[in-house]
Amino acid sequence: MHSRPDPAGLPRRLSHVYWIGGSSGSGKSTAARRLAARYGLGVYDTDAAMPDHARRLPADTAPRLSRFAAMDMDDRWVNRTPHEMLQTFHWYHGEGFEQIIADLLRLPADRPVVAEGFRLLPELVKPLLADQHRAVWLLGSPSLRKAVFDARGGTGWGFIAKTSDPRRALDNLLQRDAMFTDRLARQTTELGLTALATTTDSSEEDFVRQIAATLGLDR
């Protein structure tokens, strides 16, 4: 079961929020920044909040996070299969989602804000929507995700470089993210939510305009 806050009254209290979820490397952050600049929105980056949320989550409410934190880098990214990584990754199970909601509720309600990040899972966001058109999920193609990680430094980037086998770690990560993207595609379809595919052929400006139209920002 995913951890979620009591939804009573939340759609009304969060009616100023636009939601952009999706897979890693699908263009969420870029789109959020562009939309914020164009339409005068605030931005809430769920990735940036992860370290603070992880520190404050009690072990008994985040068992997957506790197990992940106890692993070394190779056990996290090299020694397990991509499927095992997908099934056990704490953020994919909604651990800490209630902290995202608490953060959003602390923001001024008189200024629209775009929340973005892979932690915005469709089944957790849908009960919070007063208007289903206020949310969209971006589904990055394998080639786009690979290009994004290559631009970040590939096997020399971040935690990937801290493993004993960065190439295998990166391959595992890309395969895990591909399965997560497929899961998002199924979930958004089943829940009647909107998803947009992103590829290396997508024009950034055209795609941002498409997201703005989907979210109703261009009305």
C-alpha atoms as a PDB file:
ATOM      1  CA  MET A   1       0.000   0.000   0.000  1.00  0.00           C
ATOM      2  CA  HIS A   2       1.166   3.517  -0.768  1.00  0.00           C
ATOM      3  CA  SER A   3       1.348   6.020   2.075  1.00  0.00           C
ATOM      4  CA  ARG A   4      -0.971   8.925   1.430  1.00  0.00           C
ATOM      5  CA  PRO A   5      -2.466  11.811   3.381  1.00  0.00           C
ATOM      6  CA  ASP A   6      -6.123  12.102   4.272  1.00  0.00           C
ATOM      7  CA  PRO A   7      -7.635  13.436   1.017  1.00  0.00           C
ATOM      8  CA  ALA A   8     -10.553  15.266   2.670  1.00  0.00           C
ATOM      9  CA  GLY A   9     -10.561  18.842   1.394  1.00  0.00           C
ATOM     10  CA  LEU A  10      -7.201  18.530  -0.341  1.00  0.00           C
ATOM     11  CA  PRO A  11      -8.426  19.013  -3.940  1.00  0.00           C
ATOM     12  CA  ARG A  12      -9.795  22.429  -2.968  1.00  0.00           C
ATOM     13  CA  ARG A  13      -6.699  23.381  -0.935  1.00  0.00           C
ATOM     14  CA  LEU A  14      -4.398  22.291  -3.766  1.00  0.00           C
ATOM     15  CA  SER A  15      -6.460  23.726  -6.614  1.00  0.00           C
ATOM     16  CA  HIS A  16      -3.650  26.212  -7.386  1.00  0.00           C
ATOM     17  CA  VAL A  17      -1.193  23.382  -8.132  1.00  0.00           C
ATOM     18  CA  TYR A  18      -0.289  22.098 -11.600  1.00  0.00           C
ATOM     19  CA  TRP A  19       1.304  18.641 -11.602  1.00  0.00           C
ATOM     20  CA  ILE A  20       4.001  17.309 -13.950  1.00  0.00           C
ATOM     21  CA  GLY A  21       5.047  13.736 -13.251  1.00  0.00           C
ATOM     22  CA  GLY A  22       6.900  11.234 -15.386  1.00  0.00           C
ATOM     23  CA  SER A  23      10.027   9.213 -15.827  1.00  0.00           C
ATOM     24  CA  SER A  24      13.545  10.456 -15.170  1.00  0.00           C
ATOM     25  CA  GLY A  25      15.055  12.272 -18.139  1.00  0.00           C
ATOM     26  CA  SER A  26      11.689  13.034 -19.743  1.00  0.00           C
ATOM     27  CA  GLY A  27      11.968  16.826 -19.586  1.00  0.00           C
ATOM     28  CA  LYS A  28       9.886  17.508 -16.455  1.00  0.00           C
ATOM     29  CA  SER A  29      12.270  20.021 -14.874  1.00  0.00           C
ATOM     30  CA  THR A  30      12.898  21.895 -18.105  1.00  0.00           C
ATOM     31  CA  ALA A  31       9.186  22.115 -18.856  1.00  0.00           C
ATOM     32  CA  ALA A  32       8.389  23.276 -15.316  1.00  0.00           C
ATOM     33  CA  ARG A  33      10.996  26.047 -15.444  1.00  0.00           C
ATOM     34  CA  ARG A  34       9.843  27.218 -18.865  1.00  0.00           C
ATOM     35  CA  LEU A  35       6.185  27.234 -17.839  1.00  0.00           C
ATOM     36  CA  ALA A  36       6.996  29.037 -14.595  1.00  0.00           C
ATOM     37  CA  ALA A  37       8.853  31.788 -16.446  1.00  0.00           C
ATOM     38  CA  ARG A  38       6.150  32.137 -19.092  1.00  0.00           C
ATOM     39  CA  TYR A  39       3.092  32.111 -16.837  1.00  0.00           C
ATOM     40  CA  GLY A  40       4.418  33.491 -13.557  1.00  0.00           C
ATOM     41  CA  LEU A  41       4.197  30.216 -11.630  1.00  0.00           C
ATOM     42  CA  GLY A  42       6.115  29.055  -8.614  1.00  0.00           C
ATOM     43  CA  VAL A  43       8.042  25.772  -8.924  1.00  0.00           C
ATOM     44  CA  TYR A  44       8.140  22.925  -6.427  1.00  0.00           C
ATOM     45  CA  ASP A  45      10.906  20.445  -7.298  1.00  0.00           C
ATOM     46  CA  THR A  46      10.213  17.144  -5.557  1.00  0.00           C
ATOM     47  CA  ASP A  47      13.708  15.858  -6.407  1.00  0.00           C
ATOM     48  CA  ALA A  48      15.290  18.733  -4.477  1.00  0.00           C
ATOM     49  CA  ALA A  49      13.149  17.853  -1.449  1.00  0.00           C
ATOM     50  CA  MET A  50      14.207  14.187  -1.394  1.00  0.00           C
ATOM     51  CA  PRO A  51      17.224  14.468   0.964  1.00  0.00           C
ATOM     52  CA  ASP A  52      15.221  16.392   3.556  1.00  0.00           C
ATOM     53  CA  HIS A  53      12.252  14.053   3.264  1.00  0.00           C
ATOM     54  CA  ALA A  54      14.493  10.995   3.567  1.00  0.00           C
ATOM     55  CA  ARG A  55      16.097  12.365   6.743  1.00  0.00           C
ATOM     56  CA  ARG A  56      12.733  13.041   8.367  1.00  0.00           C
ATOM     57  CA  LEU A  57      10.921   9.829   7.429  1.00  0.00           C
ATOM     58  CA  PRO A  58      10.569   7.427  10.391  1.00  0.00           C
ATOM     59  CA  ALA A  59      11.868   3.936   9.636  1.00  0.00           C
ATOM     60  CA  ASP A  60       8.549   2.307  10.519  1.00  0.00           C
ATOM     61  CA  THR A  61       6.708   4.349   7.870  1.00  0.00           C
ATOM     62  CA  ALA A  62       9.398   3.967   5.201  1.00  0.00           C
ATOM     63  CA  PRO A  63      10.737   0.398   5.375  1.00  0.00           C
ATOM     64  CA  ARG A  64      11.934   0.359   1.758  1.00  0.00           C
ATOM     65  CA  LEU A  65      13.863   3.593   2.262  1.00  0.00           C
ATOM     66  CA  SER A  66      15.492   2.130   5.391  1.00  0.00           C
ATOM     67  CA  ARG A  67      16.621  -0.960   3.488  1.00  0.00           C
ATOM     68  CA  PHE A  68      17.896   1.167   0.596  1.00  0.00           C
ATOM     69  CA  ALA A  69      19.831   3.461   2.936  1.00  0.00           C
ATOM     70  CA  ALA A  70      21.565   0.445   4.514  1.00  0.00           C
ATOM     71  CA  MET A  71      22.908  -0.781   1.132  1.00  0.00           C
ATOM     72  CA  ASP A  72      26.250   0.177  -0.340  1.00  0.00           C
ATOM     73  CA  MET A  73      26.397   1.635  -3.854  1.00  0.00           C
ATOM     74  CA  ASP A  74      27.017  -1.705  -5.551  1.00  0.00           C
ATOM     75  CA  ASP A  75      24.063  -3.350  -3.825  1.00  0.00           C
ATOM     76  CA  ARG A  76      21.873  -0.441  -4.873  1.00  0.00           C
ATOM     77  CA  TRP A  77      22.876  -0.174  -8.514  1.00  0.00           C
ATOM     78  CA  VAL A  78      25.068  -3.114  -9.632  1.00  0.00           C
ATOM     79  CA  ASN A  79      24.234  -6.345  -7.820  1.00  0.00           C
ATOM     80  CA  ARG A  80      20.443  -6.325  -8.233  1.00  0.00           C
ATOM     81  CA  THR A  81      18.424  -6.792 -11.402  1.00  0.00           C
ATOM     82  CA  PRO A  82      16.565  -3.794 -12.861  1.00  0.00           C
ATOM     83  CA  HIS A  83      13.291  -5.546 -11.976  1.00  0.00           C
ATOM     84  CA  GLU A  84      14.359  -5.892  -8.335  1.00  0.00           C
ATOM     85  CA  MET A  85      15.358  -2.233  -8.345  1.00  0.00           C
ATOM     86  CA  LEU A  86      11.953  -1.263  -9.707  1.00  0.00           C
ATOM     87  CA  GLN A  87       9.994  -3.352  -7.215  1.00  0.00           C
ATOM     88  CA  THR A  88      11.884  -2.143  -4.136  1.00  0.00           C
ATOM     89  CA  PHE A  89      12.607   1.536  -4.865  1.00  0.00           C
ATOM     90  CA  HIS A  90      10.976   3.464  -2.031  1.00  0.00           C
ATOM     91  CA  TRP A  91       9.905   6.559  -3.964  1.00  0.00           C
ATOM     92  CA  TYR A  92       8.094   4.336  -6.505  1.00  0.00           C
ATOM     93  CA  HIS A  93       5.942   3.053  -3.640  1.00  0.00           C
ATOM     94  CA  GLY A  94       4.884   6.483  -2.430  1.00  0.00           C
ATOM     95  CA  GLU A  95       7.035   6.579   0.696  1.00  0.00           C
ATOM     96  CA  GLY A  96       7.295  10.218   1.716  1.00  0.00           C
ATOM     97  CA  PHE A  97       4.468  11.388  -0.532  1.00  0.00           C
ATOM     98  CA  GLU A  98       2.633  12.901   2.416  1.00  0.00           C
ATOM     99  CA  GLN A  99       5.650  15.181   2.923  1.00  0.00           C
ATOM    100  CA  ILE A 100       5.244  16.483  -0.616  1.00  0.00           C
ATOM    101  CA  ILE A 101       1.645  17.391   0.185  1.00  0.00           C
ATOM    102  CA  ALA A 102       2.691  19.044   3.451  1.00  0.00           C
ATOM    103  CA  ASP A 103       5.278  21.136   1.582  1.00  0.00           C
ATOM    104  CA  LEU A 104       2.710  22.233  -1.004  1.00  0.00           C
ATOM    105  CA  LEU A 105       0.200  23.172   1.671  1.00  0.00           C
ATOM    106  CA  ARG A 106       2.802  25.455   3.261  1.00  0.00           C
ATOM    107  CA  LEU A 107       3.189  27.445   0.040  1.00  0.00           C
ATOM    108  CA  PRO A 108       1.043  30.563  -0.517  1.00  0.00           C
ATOM    109  CA  ALA A 109      -2.257  29.493  -2.049  1.00  0.00           C
ATOM    110  CA  ASP A 110      -2.685  32.766  -3.909  1.00  0.00           C
ATOM    111  CA  ARG A 111       0.102  31.981  -6.394  1.00  0.00           C
ATOM    112  CA  PRO A 112      -0.189  29.064  -8.841  1.00  0.00           C
ATOM    113  CA  VAL A 113       2.651  26.576  -8.580  1.00  0.00           C
ATOM    114  CA  VAL A 114       3.861  23.733 -10.779  1.00  0.00           C
ATOM    115  CA  ALA A 115       4.992  20.636  -8.874  1.00  0.00           C
ATOM    116  CA  GLU A 116       7.268  18.329 -10.813  1.00  0.00           C
ATOM    117  CA  GLY A 117       9.084  15.055 -10.295  1.00  0.00           C
ATOM    118  CA  PHE A 118       8.961  11.301 -10.753  1.00  0.00           C
ATOM    119  CA  ARG A 119       7.573  10.895  -7.211  1.00  0.00           C
ATOM    120  CA  LEU A 120       4.219  12.267  -8.383  1.00  0.00           C
ATOM    121  CA  LEU A 121       2.665   8.860  -9.009  1.00  0.00           C
ATOM    122  CA  PRO A 122      -0.655   8.863 -10.903  1.00  0.00           C
ATOM    123  CA  GLU A 123      -2.626   6.924  -8.297  1.00  0.00           C
ATOM    124  CA  LEU A 124      -1.473   9.297  -5.553  1.00  0.00           C
ATOM    125  CA  VAL A 125      -2.063  12.517  -7.461  1.00  0.00           C
ATOM    126  CA  LYS A 126      -5.480  11.699  -8.932  1.00  0.00           C
ATOM    127  CA  PRO A 127      -7.410  11.944  -5.605  1.00  0.00           C
ATOM    128  CA  LEU A 128      -5.920  15.435  -5.137  1.00  0.00           C
ATOM    129  CA  LEU A 129      -7.195  16.852  -8.419  1.00  0.00           C
ATOM    130  CA  ALA A 130     -10.158  19.204  -8.476  1.00  0.00           C
ATOM    131  CA  ASP A 131      -9.590  19.340 -12.254  1.00  0.00           C
ATOM    132  CA  GLN A 132      -7.978  16.344 -13.964  1.00  0.00           C
ATOM    133  CA  HIS A 133      -6.576  18.618 -16.668  1.00  0.00           C
ATOM    134  CA  ARG A 134      -4.218  20.124 -14.086  1.00  0.00           C
ATOM    135  CA  ALA A 135      -1.910  17.074 -14.270  1.00  0.00           C
ATOM    136  CA  VAL A 136       0.234  15.492 -16.966  1.00  0.00           C
ATOM    137  CA  TRP A 137       2.846  12.718 -17.023  1.00  0.00           C
ATOM    138  CA  LEU A 138       5.807  12.820 -19.408  1.00  0.00           C
ATOM    139  CA  LEU A 139       6.978   9.488 -20.773  1.00  0.00           C
ATOM    140  CA  GLY A 140      10.559   9.735 -21.993  1.00  0.00           C
ATOM    141  CA  SER A 141      11.689   7.423 -24.769  1.00  0.00           C
ATOM    142  CA  PRO A 142      14.724   5.160 -24.148  1.00  0.00           C
ATOM    143  CA  SER A 143      16.833   7.235 -26.551  1.00  0.00           C
ATOM    144  CA  LEU A 144      15.901  10.467 -24.763  1.00  0.00           C
ATOM    145  CA  ARG A 145      16.699   9.072 -21.309  1.00  0.00           C
ATOM    146  CA  LYS A 146      20.042   7.773 -22.581  1.00  0.00           C
ATOM    147  CA  ALA A 147      20.839  11.164 -24.138  1.00  0.00           C
ATOM    148  CA  VAL A 148      19.953  12.963 -20.894  1.00  0.00           C
ATOM    149  CA  PHE A 149      22.196  10.736 -18.774  1.00  0.00           C
ATOM    150  CA  ASP A 150      25.004  11.042 -21.333  1.00  0.00           C
ATOM    151  CA  ALA A 151      24.686  14.832 -21.107  1.00  0.00           C
ATOM    152  CA  ARG A 152      24.941  14.608 -17.322  1.00  0.00           C
ATOM    153  CA  GLY A 153      28.198  12.685 -17.610  1.00  0.00           C
ATOM    154  CA  GLY A 154      27.103   9.100 -18.293  1.00  0.00           C
ATOM    155  CA  THR A 155      29.153   6.608 -16.293  1.00  0.00           C
ATOM    156  CA  GLY A 156      31.057   9.484 -14.674  1.00  0.00           C
ATOM    157  CA  TRP A 157      27.924  11.073 -13.225  1.00  0.00           C
ATOM    158  CA  GLY A 158      26.933  11.246  -9.567  1.00  0.00           C
ATOM    159  CA  PHE A 159      26.205   8.021  -7.714  1.00  0.00           C
ATOM    160  CA  ILE A 160      26.838   5.964 -10.881  1.00  0.00           C
ATOM    161  CA  ALA A 161      30.543   6.865 -10.710  1.00  0.00           C
ATOM    162  CA  LYS A 162      30.693   5.706  -7.080  1.00  0.00           C
ATOM    163  CA  THR A 163      29.992   2.057  -7.990  1.00  0.00           C
ATOM    164  CA  SER A 164      32.587  -0.563  -8.900  1.00  0.00           C
ATOM    165  CA  ASP A 165      31.002  -1.027 -12.350  1.00  0.00           C
ATOM    166  CA  PRO A 166      29.569   2.285 -13.581  1.00  0.00           C
ATOM    167  CA  ARG A 167      28.609   0.936 -17.012  1.00  0.00           C
ATOM    168  CA  ARG A 168      26.527  -1.870 -15.549  1.00  0.00           C
ATOM    169  CA  ALA A 169      25.036   0.499 -12.983  1.00  0.00           C
ATOM    170  CA  LEU A 170      23.962   2.906 -15.730  1.00  0.00           C
ATOM    171  CA  ASP A 171      22.510   0.077 -17.825  1.00  0.00           C
ATOM    172  CA  ASN A 172      20.568  -1.187 -14.801  1.00  0.00           C
ATOM    173  CA  LEU A 173      19.271   2.305 -14.082  1.00  0.00           C
ATOM    174  CA  LEU A 174      18.149   2.862 -17.670  1.00  0.00           C
ATOM    175  CA  GLN A 175      16.380  -0.512 -17.771  1.00  0.00           C
ATOM    176  CA  ARG A 176      14.672   0.176 -14.440  1.00  0.00           C
ATOM    177  CA  ASP A 177      13.527   3.586 -15.660  1.00  0.00           C
ATOM    178  CA  ALA A 178      12.197   2.044 -18.889  1.00  0.00           C
ATOM    179  CA  MET A 179      10.024  -0.333 -16.853  1.00  0.00           C
ATOM    180  CA  PHE A 180       8.884   2.549 -14.647  1.00  0.00           C
ATOM    181  CA  THR A 181       7.896   4.490 -17.774  1.00  0.00           C
ATOM    182  CA  ASP A 182       5.856   1.524 -19.013  1.00  0.00           C
ATOM    183  CA  ARG A 183       4.149   1.369 -15.612  1.00  0.00           C
ATOM    184  CA  LEU A 184       3.277   5.058 -15.781  1.00  0.00           C
ATOM    185  CA  ALA A 185       1.831   4.607 -19.260  1.00  0.00           C
ATOM    186  CA  ARG A 186      -0.446   1.807 -18.017  1.00  0.00           C
ATOM    187  CA  GLN A 187      -1.492   3.661 -14.868  1.00  0.00           C
ATOM    188  CA  THR A 188      -2.352   6.927 -16.594  1.00  0.00           C
ATOM    189  CA  THR A 189      -4.421   5.035 -19.151  1.00  0.00           C
ATOM    190  CA  GLU A 190      -6.261   3.035 -16.493  1.00  0.00           C
ATOM    191  CA  LEU A 191      -6.960   6.160 -14.416  1.00  0.00           C
ATOM    192  CA  GLY A 192      -8.030   8.315 -17.345  1.00  0.00           C
ATOM    193  CA  LEU A 193      -5.151  10.749 -16.844  1.00  0.00           C
ATOM    194  CA  THR A 194      -3.046  12.499 -19.482  1.00  0.00           C
ATOM    195  CA  ALA A 195       0.393  11.306 -20.562  1.00  0.00           C
ATOM    196  CA  LEU A 196       2.620  12.732 -23.287  1.00  0.00           C
ATOM    197  CA  ALA A 197       5.492  10.907 -24.962  1.00  0.00           C
ATOM    198  CA  THR A 198       8.818  12.729 -25.215  1.00  0.00           C
ATOM    199  CA  THR A 199      11.529  11.786 -27.682  1.00  0.00           C
ATOM    200  CA  THR A 200      14.806  13.172 -28.974  1.00  0.00           C
ATOM    201  CA  ASP A 201      12.821  14.443 -31.989  1.00  0.00           C
ATOM    202  CA  SER A 202      10.576  16.637 -29.812  1.00  0.00           C
ATOM    203  CA  SER A 203      11.086  20.377 -30.237  1.00  0.00           C
ATOM    204  CA  GLU A 204      11.443  21.805 -26.741  1.00  0.00           C
ATOM    205  CA  GLU A 205       9.376  24.908 -27.527  1.00  0.00           C
ATOM    206  CA  ASP A 206       6.597  22.954 -29.227  1.00  0.00           C
ATOM    207  CA  PHE A 207       6.530  20.450 -26.398  1.00  0.00           C
ATOM    208  CA  VAL A 208       6.302  23.151 -23.734  1.00  0.00           C
ATOM    209  CA  ARG A 209       3.393  24.682 -25.637  1.00  0.00           C
ATOM    210  CA  GLN A 210       1.730  21.256 -25.755  1.00  0.00           C
ATOM    211  CA  ILE A 211       2.094  20.846 -22.003  1.00  0.00           C
ATOM    212  CA  ALA A 212       0.738  24.352 -21.416  1.00  0.00           C
ATOM    213  CA  ALA A 213      -2.305  23.531 -23.543  1.00  0.00           C
ATOM    214  CA  THR A 214      -2.800  20.227 -21.726  1.00  0.00           C
ATOM    215  CA  LEU A 215      -2.707  21.964 -18.337  1.00  0.00           C
ATOM    216  CA  GLY A 216      -4.985  24.765 -19.527  1.00  0.00           C
ATOM    217  CA  LEU A 217      -2.365  27.430 -18.937  1.00  0.00           C
ATOM    218  CA  ASP A 218      -2.907  28.971 -22.381  1.00  0.00           C
ATOM    219  CA  ARG A 219      -6.585  29.677 -21.803  1.00  0.00           C
END
